[in-house]
Amino acid sequence: MQYIQEDGTKRFARDSRKEGCFHVVGGDIHTLQSVPAILLQEGYATAATISEAAGFATVATF
């Protein structure tokens, strides 16, 4: 879980896992087997925008 402050500062919830976390946007983990490139993005909104523009699933990393 991540909190975004009014000034845009992002903070993870205390004691939350911060390594190895990701979410496939525009598909699921199996979808990534057929994409031309695995595109990693820093956040969900960016991954969603890139997925829409690219026309295939991308990965939001945390």
PDB file of N, CA and C in Angstrom:
ATOM      1  N   MET A   1       0.839  -1.166   0.000  1.00  0.00           N
ATOM      2  CA  MET A   1       0.000   0.000   0.000  1.00  0.00           C
ATOM      3  C   MET A   1       0.888   1.234   0.000  1.00  0.00           C
ATOM      4  N   GLN A   2       0.456   2.222  -0.740  1.00  0.00           N
ATOM      5  CA  GLN A   2       1.223   3.450  -0.861  1.00  0.00           C
ATOM      6  C   GLN A   2       0.283   4.652  -0.703  1.00  0.00           C
ATOM      7  N   TYR A   3       0.755   5.642  -0.004  1.00  0.00           N
ATOM      8  CA  TYR A   3       0.003   6.880   0.191  1.00  0.00           C
ATOM      9  C   TYR A   3       0.645   7.973  -0.652  1.00  0.00           C
ATOM     10  N   ILE A   4      -0.175   8.788  -1.298  1.00  0.00           N
ATOM     11  CA  ILE A   4       0.340   9.919  -2.067  1.00  0.00           C
ATOM     12  C   ILE A   4      -0.169  11.193  -1.404  1.00  0.00           C
ATOM     13  N   GLN A   5       0.758  12.019  -0.971  1.00  0.00           N
ATOM     14  CA  GLN A   5       0.431  13.267  -0.290  1.00  0.00           C
ATOM     15  C   GLN A   5      -0.038  14.320  -1.306  1.00  0.00           C
ATOM     16  N   GLU A   6      -0.622  15.390  -0.829  1.00  0.00           N
ATOM     17  CA  GLU A   6      -1.101  16.467  -1.692  1.00  0.00           C
ATOM     18  C   GLU A   6       0.010  17.069  -2.548  1.00  0.00           C
ATOM     19  N   ASP A   7       1.242  17.071  -2.035  1.00  0.00           N
ATOM     20  CA  ASP A   7       2.365  17.635  -2.788  1.00  0.00           C
ATOM     21  C   ASP A   7       2.991  16.629  -3.754  1.00  0.00           C
ATOM     22  N   GLY A   8       2.402  15.430  -3.858  1.00  0.00           N
ATOM     23  CA  GLY A   8       2.894  14.413  -4.779  1.00  0.00           C
ATOM     24  C   GLY A   8       3.883  13.441  -4.167  1.00  0.00           C
ATOM     25  N   THR A   9       4.272  13.652  -2.929  1.00  0.00           N
ATOM     26  CA  THR A   9       5.193  12.756  -2.240  1.00  0.00           C
ATOM     27  C   THR A   9       4.527  11.397  -2.041  1.00  0.00           C
ATOM     28  N   LYS A  10       5.258  10.338  -2.362  1.00  0.00           N
ATOM     29  CA  LYS A  10       4.730   8.977  -2.210  1.00  0.00           C
ATOM     30  C   LYS A  10       5.383   8.304  -1.009  1.00  0.00           C
ATOM     31  N   ARG A  11       4.591   7.672  -0.180  1.00  0.00           N
ATOM     32  CA  ARG A  11       5.086   6.963   0.999  1.00  0.00           C
ATOM     33  C   ARG A  11       4.437   5.589   1.076  1.00  0.00           C
ATOM     34  N   PHE A  12       5.250   4.572   1.312  1.00  0.00           N
ATOM     35  CA  PHE A  12       4.712   3.234   1.531  1.00  0.00           C
ATOM     36  C   PHE A  12       4.215   3.113   2.968  1.00  0.00           C
ATOM     37  N   ALA A  13       3.229   2.254   3.155  1.00  0.00           N
ATOM     38  CA  ALA A  13       2.710   2.007   4.502  1.00  0.00           C
ATOM     39  C   ALA A  13       3.822   1.424   5.363  1.00  0.00           C
ATOM     40  N   ARG A  14       3.823   1.773   6.614  1.00  0.00           N
ATOM     41  CA  ARG A  14       4.837   1.304   7.554  1.00  0.00           C
ATOM     42  C   ARG A  14       4.859  -0.228   7.583  1.00  0.00           C
ATOM     43  N   ASP A  15       6.043  -0.789   7.585  1.00  0.00           N
ATOM     44  CA  ASP A  15       6.281  -2.233   7.657  1.00  0.00           C
ATOM     45  C   ASP A  15       5.725  -3.004   6.456  1.00  0.00           C
ATOM     46  N   SER A  16       5.441  -2.317   5.359  1.00  0.00           N
ATOM     47  CA  SER A  16       4.947  -3.013   4.174  1.00  0.00           C
ATOM     48  C   SER A  16       6.125  -3.549   3.361  1.00  0.00           C
ATOM     49  N   ARG A  17       5.868  -4.576   2.589  1.00  0.00           N
ATOM     50  CA  ARG A  17       6.891  -5.149   1.716  1.00  0.00           C
ATOM     51  C   ARG A  17       7.169  -4.170   0.586  1.00  0.00           C
ATOM     52  N   LYS A  18       8.434  -3.918   0.309  1.00  0.00           N
ATOM     53  CA  LYS A  18       8.803  -2.934  -0.694  1.00  0.00           C
ATOM     54  C   LYS A  18       9.663  -3.501  -1.817  1.00  0.00           C
ATOM     55  N   GLU A  19      10.063  -4.740  -1.737  1.00  0.00           N
ATOM     56  CA  GLU A  19      10.918  -5.331  -2.765  1.00  0.00           C
ATOM     57  C   GLU A  19      10.195  -6.466  -3.468  1.00  0.00           C
ATOM     58  N   GLY A  20      10.357  -6.523  -4.782  1.00  0.00           N
ATOM     59  CA  GLY A  20       9.793  -7.612  -5.561  1.00  0.00           C
ATOM     60  C   GLY A  20       8.306  -7.503  -5.825  1.00  0.00           C
ATOM     61  N   CYS A  21       7.725  -6.339  -5.608  1.00  0.00           N
ATOM     62  CA  CYS A  21       6.287  -6.170  -5.794  1.00  0.00           C
ATOM     63  C   CYS A  21       6.007  -5.554  -7.160  1.00  0.00           C
ATOM     64  N   PHE A  22       4.989  -6.084  -7.835  1.00  0.00           N
ATOM     65  CA  PHE A  22       4.617  -5.569  -9.151  1.00  0.00           C
ATOM     66  C   PHE A  22       3.169  -5.925  -9.446  1.00  0.00           C
ATOM     67  N   HIS A  23       2.609  -5.285 -10.477  1.00  0.00           N
ATOM     68  CA  HIS A  23       1.254  -5.590 -10.928  1.00  0.00           C
ATOM     69  C   HIS A  23       1.235  -5.474 -12.438  1.00  0.00           C
ATOM     70  N   VAL A  24       0.718  -6.497 -13.110  1.00  0.00           N
ATOM     71  CA  VAL A  24       0.591  -6.461 -14.564  1.00  0.00           C
ATOM     72  C   VAL A  24      -0.642  -5.631 -14.906  1.00  0.00           C
ATOM     73  N   VAL A  25      -0.464  -4.642 -15.766  1.00  0.00           N
ATOM     74  CA  VAL A  25      -1.552  -3.764 -16.183  1.00  0.00           C
ATOM     75  C   VAL A  25      -1.904  -4.084 -17.637  1.00  0.00           C
ATOM     76  N   GLY A  26      -3.160  -4.370 -17.887  1.00  0.00           N
ATOM     77  CA  GLY A  26      -3.600  -4.691 -19.241  1.00  0.00           C
ATOM     78  C   GLY A  26      -3.547  -6.179 -19.534  1.00  0.00           C
ATOM     79  N   GLY A  27      -3.476  -6.982 -18.505  1.00  0.00           N
ATOM     80  CA  GLY A  27      -3.430  -8.428 -18.660  1.00  0.00           C
ATOM     81  C   GLY A  27      -3.082  -9.074 -17.338  1.00  0.00           C
ATOM     82  N   ASP A  28      -2.535 -10.280 -17.418  1.00  0.00           N
ATOM     83  CA  ASP A  28      -2.085 -10.969 -16.210  1.00  0.00           C
ATOM     84  C   ASP A  28      -0.667 -11.485 -16.435  1.00  0.00           C
ATOM     85  N   ILE A  29      -0.146 -12.183 -15.489  1.00  0.00           N
ATOM     86  CA  ILE A  29       1.243 -12.650 -15.566  1.00  0.00           C
ATOM     87  C   ILE A  29       1.488 -13.491 -16.829  1.00  0.00           C
ATOM     88  N   HIS A  30       0.488 -14.237 -17.256  1.00  0.00           N
ATOM     89  CA  HIS A  30       0.633 -15.085 -18.454  1.00  0.00           C
ATOM     90  C   HIS A  30       0.650 -14.250 -19.738  1.00  0.00           C
ATOM     91  N   THR A  31       0.001 -13.101 -19.711  1.00  0.00           N
ATOM     92  CA  THR A  31      -0.023 -12.200 -20.867  1.00  0.00           C
ATOM     93  C   THR A  31       1.383 -11.753 -21.236  1.00  0.00           C
ATOM     94  N   LEU A  32       2.255 -11.633 -20.251  1.00  0.00           N
ATOM     95  CA  LEU A  32       3.607 -11.135 -20.500  1.00  0.00           C
ATOM     96  C   LEU A  32       4.422 -12.065 -21.392  1.00  0.00           C
ATOM     97  N   GLN A  33       4.007 -13.315 -21.515  1.00  0.00           N
ATOM     98  CA  GLN A  33       4.733 -14.255 -22.376  1.00  0.00           C
ATOM     99  C   GLN A  33       4.619 -13.897 -23.854  1.00  0.00           C
ATOM    100  N   SER A  34       3.594 -13.113 -24.212  1.00  0.00           N
ATOM    101  CA  SER A  34       3.378 -12.815 -25.624  1.00  0.00           C
ATOM    102  C   SER A  34       3.604 -11.350 -25.999  1.00  0.00           C
ATOM    103  N   VAL A  35       4.083 -10.519 -25.071  1.00  0.00           N
ATOM    104  CA  VAL A  35       4.332  -9.117 -25.409  1.00  0.00           C
ATOM    105  C   VAL A  35       5.679  -8.982 -26.116  1.00  0.00           C
ATOM    106  N   PRO A  36       5.829  -7.987 -26.995  1.00  0.00           N
ATOM    107  CA  PRO A  36       7.105  -7.825 -27.713  1.00  0.00           C
ATOM    108  C   PRO A  36       8.253  -7.354 -26.818  1.00  0.00           C
ATOM    109  N   ALA A  37       7.910  -6.707 -25.704  1.00  0.00           N
ATOM    110  CA  ALA A  37       8.919  -6.242 -24.737  1.00  0.00           C
ATOM    111  C   ALA A  37       8.220  -6.092 -23.396  1.00  0.00           C
ATOM    112  N   ILE A  38       8.936  -6.349 -22.316  1.00  0.00           N
ATOM    113  CA  ILE A  38       8.365  -6.135 -20.989  1.00  0.00           C
ATOM    114  C   ILE A  38       8.744  -4.727 -20.559  1.00  0.00           C
ATOM    115  N   LEU A  39       7.724  -3.887 -20.444  1.00  0.00           N
ATOM    116  CA  LEU A  39       7.933  -2.488 -20.084  1.00  0.00           C
ATOM    117  C   LEU A  39       7.628  -2.307 -18.607  1.00  0.00           C
ATOM    118  N   LEU A  40       8.627  -1.872 -17.852  1.00  0.00           N
ATOM    119  CA  LEU A  40       8.485  -1.663 -16.409  1.00  0.00           C
ATOM    120  C   LEU A  40       8.273  -0.176 -16.136  1.00  0.00           C
ATOM    121  N   GLN A  41       7.241   0.124 -15.343  1.00  0.00           N
ATOM    122  CA  GLN A  41       6.920   1.505 -14.994  1.00  0.00           C
ATOM    123  C   GLN A  41       6.960   1.670 -13.486  1.00  0.00           C
ATOM    124  N   GLU A  42       7.201   2.890 -13.024  1.00  0.00           N
ATOM    125  CA  GLU A  42       7.337   3.132 -11.590  1.00  0.00           C
ATOM    126  C   GLU A  42       6.008   3.101 -10.849  1.00  0.00           C
ATOM    127  N   GLY A  43       4.915   3.353 -11.496  1.00  0.00           N
ATOM    128  CA  GLY A  43       3.636   3.370 -10.799  1.00  0.00           C
ATOM    129  C   GLY A  43       2.509   2.889 -11.679  1.00  0.00           C
ATOM    130  N   TYR A  44       1.341   2.694 -11.064  1.00  0.00           N
ATOM    131  CA  TYR A  44       0.197   2.146 -11.780  1.00  0.00           C
ATOM    132  C   TYR A  44      -0.294   3.075 -12.888  1.00  0.00           C
ATOM    133  N   ALA A  45      -0.449   4.359 -12.590  1.00  0.00           N
ATOM    134  CA  ALA A  45      -0.992   5.291 -13.587  1.00  0.00           C
ATOM    135  C   ALA A  45      -0.090   5.359 -14.822  1.00  0.00           C
ATOM    136  N   THR A  46       1.210   5.392 -14.613  1.00  0.00           N
ATOM    137  CA  THR A  46       2.141   5.416 -15.737  1.00  0.00           C
ATOM    138  C   THR A  46       2.058   4.118 -16.526  1.00  0.00           C
ATOM    139  N   ALA A  47       2.004   2.986 -15.829  1.00  0.00           N
ATOM    140  CA  ALA A  47       1.902   1.690 -16.514  1.00  0.00           C
ATOM    141  C   ALA A  47       0.617   1.594 -17.331  1.00  0.00           C
ATOM    142  N   ALA A  48      -0.478   2.118 -16.803  1.00  0.00           N
ATOM    143  CA  ALA A  48      -1.753   2.091 -17.524  1.00  0.00           C
ATOM    144  C   ALA A  48      -1.686   2.959 -18.779  1.00  0.00           C
ATOM    145  N   THR A  49      -1.082   4.125 -18.669  1.00  0.00           N
ATOM    146  CA  THR A  49      -0.945   5.020 -19.819  1.00  0.00           C
ATOM    147  C   THR A  49      -0.072   4.393 -20.897  1.00  0.00           C
ATOM    148  N   ILE A  50       1.058   3.825 -20.498  1.00  0.00           N
ATOM    149  CA  ILE A  50       1.981   3.197 -21.452  1.00  0.00           C
ATOM    150  C   ILE A  50       1.336   1.963 -22.081  1.00  0.00           C
ATOM    151  N   SER A  51       0.616   1.173 -21.285  1.00  0.00           N
ATOM    152  CA  SER A  51      -0.065  -0.012 -21.806  1.00  0.00           C
ATOM    153  C   SER A  51      -1.069   0.383 -22.889  1.00  0.00           C
ATOM    154  N   GLU A  52      -1.827   1.434 -22.618  1.00  0.00           N
ATOM    155  CA  GLU A  52      -2.812   1.902 -23.595  1.00  0.00           C
ATOM    156  C   GLU A  52      -2.127   2.391 -24.871  1.00  0.00           C
ATOM    157  N   ALA A  53      -1.057   3.144 -24.718  1.00  0.00           N
ATOM    158  CA  ALA A  53      -0.343   3.678 -25.877  1.00  0.00           C
ATOM    159  C   ALA A  53       0.360   2.575 -26.675  1.00  0.00           C
ATOM    160  N   ALA A  54       0.950   1.611 -25.970  1.00  0.00           N
ATOM    161  CA  ALA A  54       1.699   0.537 -26.628  1.00  0.00           C
ATOM    162  C   ALA A  54       0.778  -0.532 -27.221  1.00  0.00           C
ATOM    163  N   GLY A  55      -0.391  -0.698 -26.607  1.00  0.00           N
ATOM    164  CA  GLY A  55      -1.321  -1.709 -27.096  1.00  0.00           C
ATOM    165  C   GLY A  55      -1.066  -3.096 -26.534  1.00  0.00           C
ATOM    166  N   PHE A  56      -0.279  -3.169 -25.457  1.00  0.00           N
ATOM    167  CA  PHE A  56      -0.059  -4.459 -24.803  1.00  0.00           C
ATOM    168  C   PHE A  56       0.213  -4.243 -23.314  1.00  0.00           C
ATOM    169  N   ALA A  57       0.225  -5.317 -22.570  1.00  0.00           N
ATOM    170  CA  ALA A  57       0.387  -5.258 -21.109  1.00  0.00           C
ATOM    171  C   ALA A  57       1.754  -4.702 -20.727  1.00  0.00           C
ATOM    172  N   THR A  58       1.777  -3.978 -19.619  1.00  0.00           N
ATOM    173  CA  THR A  58       3.018  -3.471 -19.040  1.00  0.00           C
ATOM    174  C   THR A  58       3.031  -3.853 -17.560  1.00  0.00           C
ATOM    175  N   VAL A  59       4.079  -3.469 -16.861  1.00  0.00           N
ATOM    176  CA  VAL A  59       4.222  -3.847 -15.454  1.00  0.00           C
ATOM    177  C   VAL A  59       4.444  -2.607 -14.601  1.00  0.00           C
ATOM    178  N   ALA A  60       3.606  -2.457 -13.579  1.00  0.00           N
ATOM    179  CA  ALA A  60       3.803  -1.400 -12.591  1.00  0.00           C
ATOM    180  C   ALA A  60       4.655  -1.992 -11.472  1.00  0.00           C
ATOM    181  N   THR A  61       5.772  -1.352 -11.190  1.00  0.00           N
ATOM    182  CA  THR A  61       6.680  -1.852 -10.147  1.00  0.00           C
ATOM    183  C   THR A  61       6.557  -0.975  -8.919  1.00  0.00           C
ATOM    184  N   PHE A  62       6.810  -1.553  -7.762  1.00  0.00           N
ATOM    185  CA  PHE A  62       6.693  -0.825  -6.499  1.00  0.00           C
ATOM    186  C   PHE A  62       7.911  -1.077  -5.642  1.00  0.00           C
TER     187      PHE A  62
END
